[in-house]
Amino acid sequence: MVMKQTGLFTRTLIMLASLAMLAGCAGRVAVEDRHPDDPWEGFNRRVFVFNEAVDRAVLKPVARGYRTVAPQPVQTGVGNFFSNLGEIRTTLNSLLQGKPANAGLATSRFLINSTVGIAGLWDFATHMGITAEEEDFGQTLGVWGLSEGPYLVLPLLGPSTVRDTSGLPVDIYTYPLTYVEDETVRLSLTALRIIDVRAGFLEQEEMIRGDRYSFIRDAYLQRRRFEVSDGELGDDPFASDEFDFDDAEFDDGDFDVDALDDDAFEEEVESDDADFAD
């Protein structure tokens, strides 16, 4: 069974690599109109249109049906279950990024929710105030200094970058569902996970304005950069004690307060009142 999975993942990676190679020559967007982070926009938009068609025909209707049929507690429990499985991935990547504290929190969450939380259906750890930042191998590569590379839209998988695509194999092999030997159970759980994730975006997509492709691209890149930097937006020169003002630039001679005597001020006010009366 593991060998079958390995062959499947290998073929998937070959397909993704081939698509990335084709992207270099598939674009037809004018050079001056290209987004600096999206040099393959022509190719990406075509894949985006394909993904949107699949979503409208299959995923979105199923997700809506899931939201209608499944009670909210069930939806919450399903989301908690799959999120709990992701704590293992967070633990491993936190260690690779040199974040032992976050790794400890993720491990604690997994142990608590898997036992007291009944296989992760109940997020008891959060009620205890135990939270951890989610980490994946794409983030780990970013922390290690690997550039994110061009923006890339993957068939069925959606928004990504060259760096995040490179991290997919590790993310796949560090997610417990990969090792479920019963193929029917594994595929059923995977389908349920996809439907649950898609259902979670039904309300969020109402916020999209203007060009849907550009909105999703910019939102994805911004979110990923935020995650890789752990929310650090860089140094603010105005927040530094070493930021000096040049007194010469604020010379009193440029703004002579004494020159504005009372008589001159009253004359100016009377002139303005006369103009207003006219």
Protein backbone atom coordinates (compact mmCIF):
# COMPACT_ATOMS: atom_id res chain seq x y z
CA MET A 1 0.00 0.00 0.00
CA VAL A 2 2.84 2.37 0.82
CA MET A 3 4.46 1.57 -2.53
CA LYS A 4 1.20 2.42 -4.31
CA GLN A 5 1.04 5.74 -2.49
CA THR A 6 4.65 6.48 -3.35
CA GLY A 7 3.97 5.87 -7.03
CA LEU A 8 0.93 8.13 -6.91
CA PHE A 9 2.84 10.95 -5.24
CA THR A 10 5.73 10.56 -7.67
CA ARG A 11 3.41 10.89 -10.66
CA THR A 12 1.76 13.91 -9.04
CA LEU A 13 5.11 15.60 -8.50
CA ILE A 14 6.15 14.91 -12.09
CA MET A 15 2.92 16.48 -13.30
CA LEU A 16 3.43 19.56 -11.13
CA ALA A 17 7.04 19.92 -12.26
CA SER A 18 5.98 19.66 -15.89
CA LEU A 19 3.36 22.32 -15.39
CA ALA A 20 5.92 24.60 -13.78
CA MET A 21 8.24 24.14 -16.76
CA LEU A 22 5.44 24.89 -19.21
CA ALA A 23 4.53 28.02 -17.29
CA GLY A 24 7.64 29.78 -18.49
CA CYS A 25 6.45 29.78 -22.07
CA ALA A 26 2.69 29.76 -21.60
CA GLY A 27 2.14 33.38 -20.63
CA ARG A 28 0.71 35.86 -23.12
CA VAL A 29 0.35 38.85 -20.77
CA ALA A 30 2.24 41.95 -21.91
CA VAL A 31 5.52 42.35 -20.04
CA GLU A 32 4.64 45.84 -18.80
CA ASP A 33 1.31 44.54 -17.40
CA ARG A 34 2.74 41.61 -15.46
CA HIS A 35 2.69 41.58 -11.67
CA PRO A 36 6.28 41.34 -10.38
CA ASP A 37 5.42 38.25 -8.32
CA ASP A 38 3.36 36.66 -11.11
CA PRO A 39 5.50 36.39 -14.27
CA TRP A 40 3.48 33.35 -15.42
CA GLU A 41 0.13 35.12 -15.20
CA GLY A 42 -1.06 33.91 -18.61
CA PHE A 43 -0.59 30.27 -17.64
CA ASN A 44 -1.86 30.82 -14.10
CA ARG A 45 -5.08 32.43 -15.30
CA ARG A 46 -5.85 29.47 -17.55
CA VAL A 47 -5.35 27.04 -14.68
CA PHE A 48 -7.41 29.36 -12.48
CA VAL A 49 -10.30 29.25 -14.98
CA PHE A 50 -10.11 25.43 -14.98
CA ASN A 51 -10.14 25.30 -11.18
CA GLU A 52 -13.08 27.72 -11.03
CA ALA A 53 -15.05 25.55 -13.44
CA VAL A 54 -14.45 22.45 -11.31
CA ASP A 55 -15.35 24.39 -8.19
CA ARG A 56 -18.63 25.68 -9.61
CA ALA A 57 -19.60 22.29 -11.00
CA VAL A 58 -18.60 20.08 -8.05
CA LEU A 59 -16.99 21.51 -4.93
CA LYS A 60 -19.15 24.54 -4.26
CA PRO A 61 -22.53 22.75 -4.60
CA VAL A 62 -21.32 19.88 -2.42
CA ALA A 63 -19.94 22.30 0.17
CA ARG A 64 -23.26 24.15 0.27
CA GLY A 65 -25.12 20.89 0.71
CA TYR A 66 -22.73 19.93 3.52
CA ARG A 67 -23.36 23.25 5.27
CA THR A 68 -27.14 22.78 4.89
CA VAL A 69 -27.33 19.15 6.02
CA ALA A 70 -24.66 18.93 8.73
CA PRO A 71 -25.50 20.65 12.03
CA GLN A 72 -23.00 23.25 13.19
CA PRO A 73 -21.62 21.04 16.03
CA VAL A 74 -20.89 18.33 13.47
CA GLN A 75 -19.09 20.79 11.18
CA THR A 76 -17.06 22.07 14.12
CA GLY A 77 -16.14 18.55 15.16
CA VAL A 78 -15.05 17.60 11.64
CA GLY A 79 -12.88 20.71 11.37
CA ASN A 80 -11.35 20.03 14.79
CA PHE A 81 -10.57 16.43 13.82
CA PHE A 82 -8.56 17.34 10.73
CA SER A 83 -6.93 20.30 12.45
CA ASN A 84 -5.78 18.01 15.25
CA LEU A 85 -4.05 15.72 12.75
CA GLY A 86 -2.18 18.77 11.46
CA GLU A 87 -0.58 19.32 14.88
CA ILE A 88 1.96 16.60 14.03
CA ARG A 89 3.08 18.54 10.96
CA THR A 90 3.27 21.72 13.03
CA THR A 91 5.42 19.99 15.65
CA LEU A 92 7.95 18.70 13.11
CA ASN A 93 8.22 21.99 11.21
CA SER A 94 8.47 24.00 14.42
CA LEU A 95 11.50 21.91 15.40
CA LEU A 96 13.03 22.38 11.95
CA GLN A 97 12.54 26.14 12.30
CA GLY A 98 14.12 26.25 15.76
CA LYS A 99 10.86 26.93 17.60
CA PRO A 100 10.81 24.37 20.44
CA ALA A 101 8.17 26.30 22.39
CA ASN A 102 5.68 26.14 19.53
CA ALA A 103 6.56 22.47 18.98
CA GLY A 104 5.78 21.76 22.63
CA LEU A 105 2.45 23.56 22.40
CA ALA A 106 1.47 21.67 19.24
CA THR A 107 2.43 18.36 20.85
CA SER A 108 0.41 19.20 23.95
CA ARG A 109 -2.58 20.12 21.81
CA PHE A 110 -2.38 16.83 19.92
CA LEU A 111 -2.16 14.72 23.08
CA ILE A 112 -4.92 16.57 24.92
CA ASN A 113 -7.35 16.75 22.00
CA SER A 114 -6.68 13.15 20.94
CA THR A 115 -7.60 11.88 24.41
CA VAL A 116 -9.79 14.28 26.38
CA GLY A 117 -11.06 15.79 23.13
CA ILE A 118 -12.21 12.39 21.84
CA ALA A 119 -9.94 11.87 18.80
CA GLY A 120 -9.74 15.59 18.23
CA LEU A 121 -13.47 16.17 17.70
CA TRP A 122 -13.48 18.60 20.61
CA ASP A 123 -10.77 21.27 20.78
CA PHE A 124 -10.33 21.00 24.53
CA ALA A 125 -6.77 22.41 24.37
CA THR A 126 -8.00 25.78 23.18
CA HIS A 127 -10.43 25.94 26.11
CA MET A 128 -7.38 25.40 28.32
CA GLY A 129 -5.64 28.34 26.65
CA ILE A 130 -3.13 26.14 24.80
CA THR A 131 -2.67 27.41 21.24
CA ALA A 132 0.10 27.03 18.66
CA GLU A 133 0.95 28.67 15.35
CA GLU A 134 0.40 26.35 12.39
CA GLU A 135 3.59 25.52 10.48
CA ASP A 136 4.21 23.67 7.22
CA PHE A 137 7.30 22.84 5.18
CA GLY A 138 6.76 25.77 2.80
CA GLN A 139 7.12 28.06 5.81
CA THR A 140 10.15 26.10 6.94
CA LEU A 141 11.85 26.63 3.59
CA GLY A 142 11.09 30.34 3.90
CA VAL A 143 12.64 30.47 7.38
CA TRP A 144 15.70 28.70 5.99
CA GLY A 145 16.07 31.56 3.51
CA LEU A 146 14.71 30.01 0.33
CA SER A 147 13.04 32.61 -1.91
CA GLU A 148 9.33 32.09 -2.49
CA GLY A 149 9.78 32.23 -6.27
CA PRO A 150 7.02 33.10 -8.74
CA TYR A 151 3.36 32.76 -7.92
CA LEU A 152 1.91 29.51 -9.29
CA VAL A 153 -1.66 28.23 -9.60
CA LEU A 154 -1.77 24.43 -9.34
CA PRO A 155 -4.52 22.35 -10.99
CA LEU A 156 -7.18 21.52 -8.37
CA LEU A 157 -4.86 22.60 -5.53
CA GLY A 158 -5.10 26.32 -6.26
CA PRO A 159 -2.78 29.19 -5.19
CA SER A 160 0.85 28.42 -4.43
CA THR A 161 4.40 29.52 -5.11
CA VAL A 162 7.40 27.59 -6.37
CA ARG A 163 8.66 27.34 -2.79
CA ASP A 164 5.34 26.14 -1.37
CA THR A 165 4.98 23.64 -4.21
CA SER A 166 8.42 22.27 -3.35
CA GLY A 167 7.24 21.73 0.21
CA LEU A 168 4.15 19.73 -0.77
CA PRO A 169 5.81 16.26 -0.68
CA VAL A 170 6.97 16.77 2.92
CA ASP A 171 3.56 18.13 3.91
CA ILE A 172 1.91 15.06 2.39
CA TYR A 173 4.16 12.58 4.18
CA THR A 174 3.80 14.35 7.54
CA TYR A 175 0.00 14.21 7.52
CA PRO A 176 -1.38 11.05 9.20
CA LEU A 177 -4.09 10.37 6.59
CA THR A 178 -1.32 9.40 4.17
CA TYR A 179 -0.66 6.27 6.22
CA VAL A 180 -4.23 4.96 6.42
CA GLU A 181 -3.91 1.59 4.69
CA ASP A 182 -7.58 1.14 3.82
CA GLU A 183 -7.87 3.02 0.53
CA THR A 184 -11.63 3.53 0.84
CA VAL A 185 -11.30 5.05 4.30
CA ARG A 186 -8.36 7.22 3.26
CA LEU A 187 -10.12 8.60 0.17
CA SER A 188 -13.36 9.14 2.07
CA LEU A 189 -11.62 11.09 4.82
CA THR A 190 -9.66 13.09 2.24
CA ALA A 191 -12.87 13.98 0.40
CA LEU A 192 -14.54 15.00 3.67
CA ARG A 193 -11.55 17.16 4.53
CA ILE A 194 -11.70 18.93 1.14
CA ILE A 195 -15.44 19.53 1.48
CA ASP A 196 -15.02 20.86 5.01
CA VAL A 197 -12.26 23.27 3.93
CA ARG A 198 -14.31 24.45 0.93
CA ALA A 199 -17.35 25.01 3.13
CA GLY A 200 -15.26 27.22 5.35
CA PHE A 201 -14.58 29.56 2.43
CA LEU A 202 -18.22 30.04 1.39
CA GLU A 203 -18.68 33.14 3.52
CA GLN A 204 -15.16 34.49 3.03
CA GLU A 205 -15.42 34.54 -0.77
CA GLU A 206 -18.23 37.10 -0.52
CA MET A 207 -15.52 39.62 0.42
CA ILE A 208 -13.87 39.31 -3.00
CA ARG A 209 -14.12 42.47 -5.06
CA GLY A 210 -12.93 43.31 -8.58
CA ASP A 211 -10.78 40.82 -10.48
CA ARG A 212 -11.23 37.51 -8.63
CA TYR A 213 -7.89 36.13 -9.83
CA SER A 214 -5.88 39.17 -8.67
CA PHE A 215 -7.72 39.35 -5.35
CA ILE A 216 -7.00 35.70 -4.50
CA ARG A 217 -3.37 35.98 -5.66
CA ASP A 218 -2.64 39.08 -3.59
CA ALA A 219 -4.44 37.73 -0.53
CA TYR A 220 -2.54 34.43 -0.73
CA LEU A 221 0.88 36.04 -1.10
CA GLN A 222 0.21 38.47 1.73
CA ARG A 223 -0.96 35.72 4.05
CA ARG A 224 1.99 33.44 3.29
CA ARG A 225 4.52 36.21 3.83
CA PHE A 226 2.84 37.02 7.12
CA GLU A 227 3.07 33.37 8.19
CA VAL A 228 6.71 32.96 7.18
CA SER A 229 7.75 36.12 9.03
CA ASP A 230 5.53 35.26 12.04
CA GLY A 231 3.77 38.57 11.60
CA GLU A 232 6.90 40.70 11.59
CA LEU A 233 6.50 43.47 9.04
CA GLY A 234 10.08 44.73 9.18
CA ASP A 235 11.78 47.59 10.95
CA ASP A 236 9.99 50.90 11.39
CA PRO A 237 12.54 53.73 11.17
CA PHE A 238 10.25 56.02 13.18
CA ALA A 239 10.20 53.50 16.02
CA SER A 240 13.99 53.48 16.32
CA ASP A 241 15.78 55.58 18.92
CA GLU A 242 18.53 56.15 16.37
CA PHE A 243 16.26 58.04 13.98
CA ASP A 244 17.52 61.65 14.03
CA PHE A 245 15.86 64.77 12.76
CA ASP A 246 17.93 67.46 11.12
CA ASP A 247 17.29 70.65 13.06
CA ALA A 248 18.27 72.68 10.00
CA GLU A 249 15.22 71.33 8.19
CA PHE A 250 12.99 72.86 10.86
CA ASP A 251 14.60 76.32 11.12
CA ASP A 252 12.41 78.88 12.87
CA GLY A 253 13.23 81.30 10.08
CA ASP A 254 11.07 79.27 7.74
CA PHE A 255 8.06 79.87 9.96
CA ASP A 256 8.35 83.15 11.87
CA VAL A 257 5.66 83.16 14.51
CA ASP A 258 6.61 86.63 15.72
CA ALA A 259 5.93 88.06 12.27
CA LEU A 260 2.25 87.27 12.75
CA ASP A 261 1.44 90.22 15.00
CA ASP A 262 -2.10 90.91 16.16
CA ASP A 263 -2.68 93.83 13.79
CA ALA A 264 -1.69 91.82 10.73
CA PHE A 265 -3.90 88.96 11.85
CA GLU A 266 -6.93 91.24 12.36
CA GLU A 267 -6.42 92.84 8.93
CA GLU A 268 -6.33 89.40 7.33
CA VAL A 269 -9.55 88.36 9.07
CA GLU A 270 -11.34 91.59 8.05
CA SER A 271 -10.23 91.07 4.43
CA ASP A 272 -11.59 87.52 4.43
CA ASP A 273 -14.91 88.70 5.92
CA ALA A 274 -15.25 91.37 3.21
CA ASP A 275 -14.64 88.81 0.48
CA PHE A 276 -17.24 86.51 2.00
CA ALA A 277 -19.83 89.34 2.19
CA ASP A 278 -19.33 90.14 -1.49
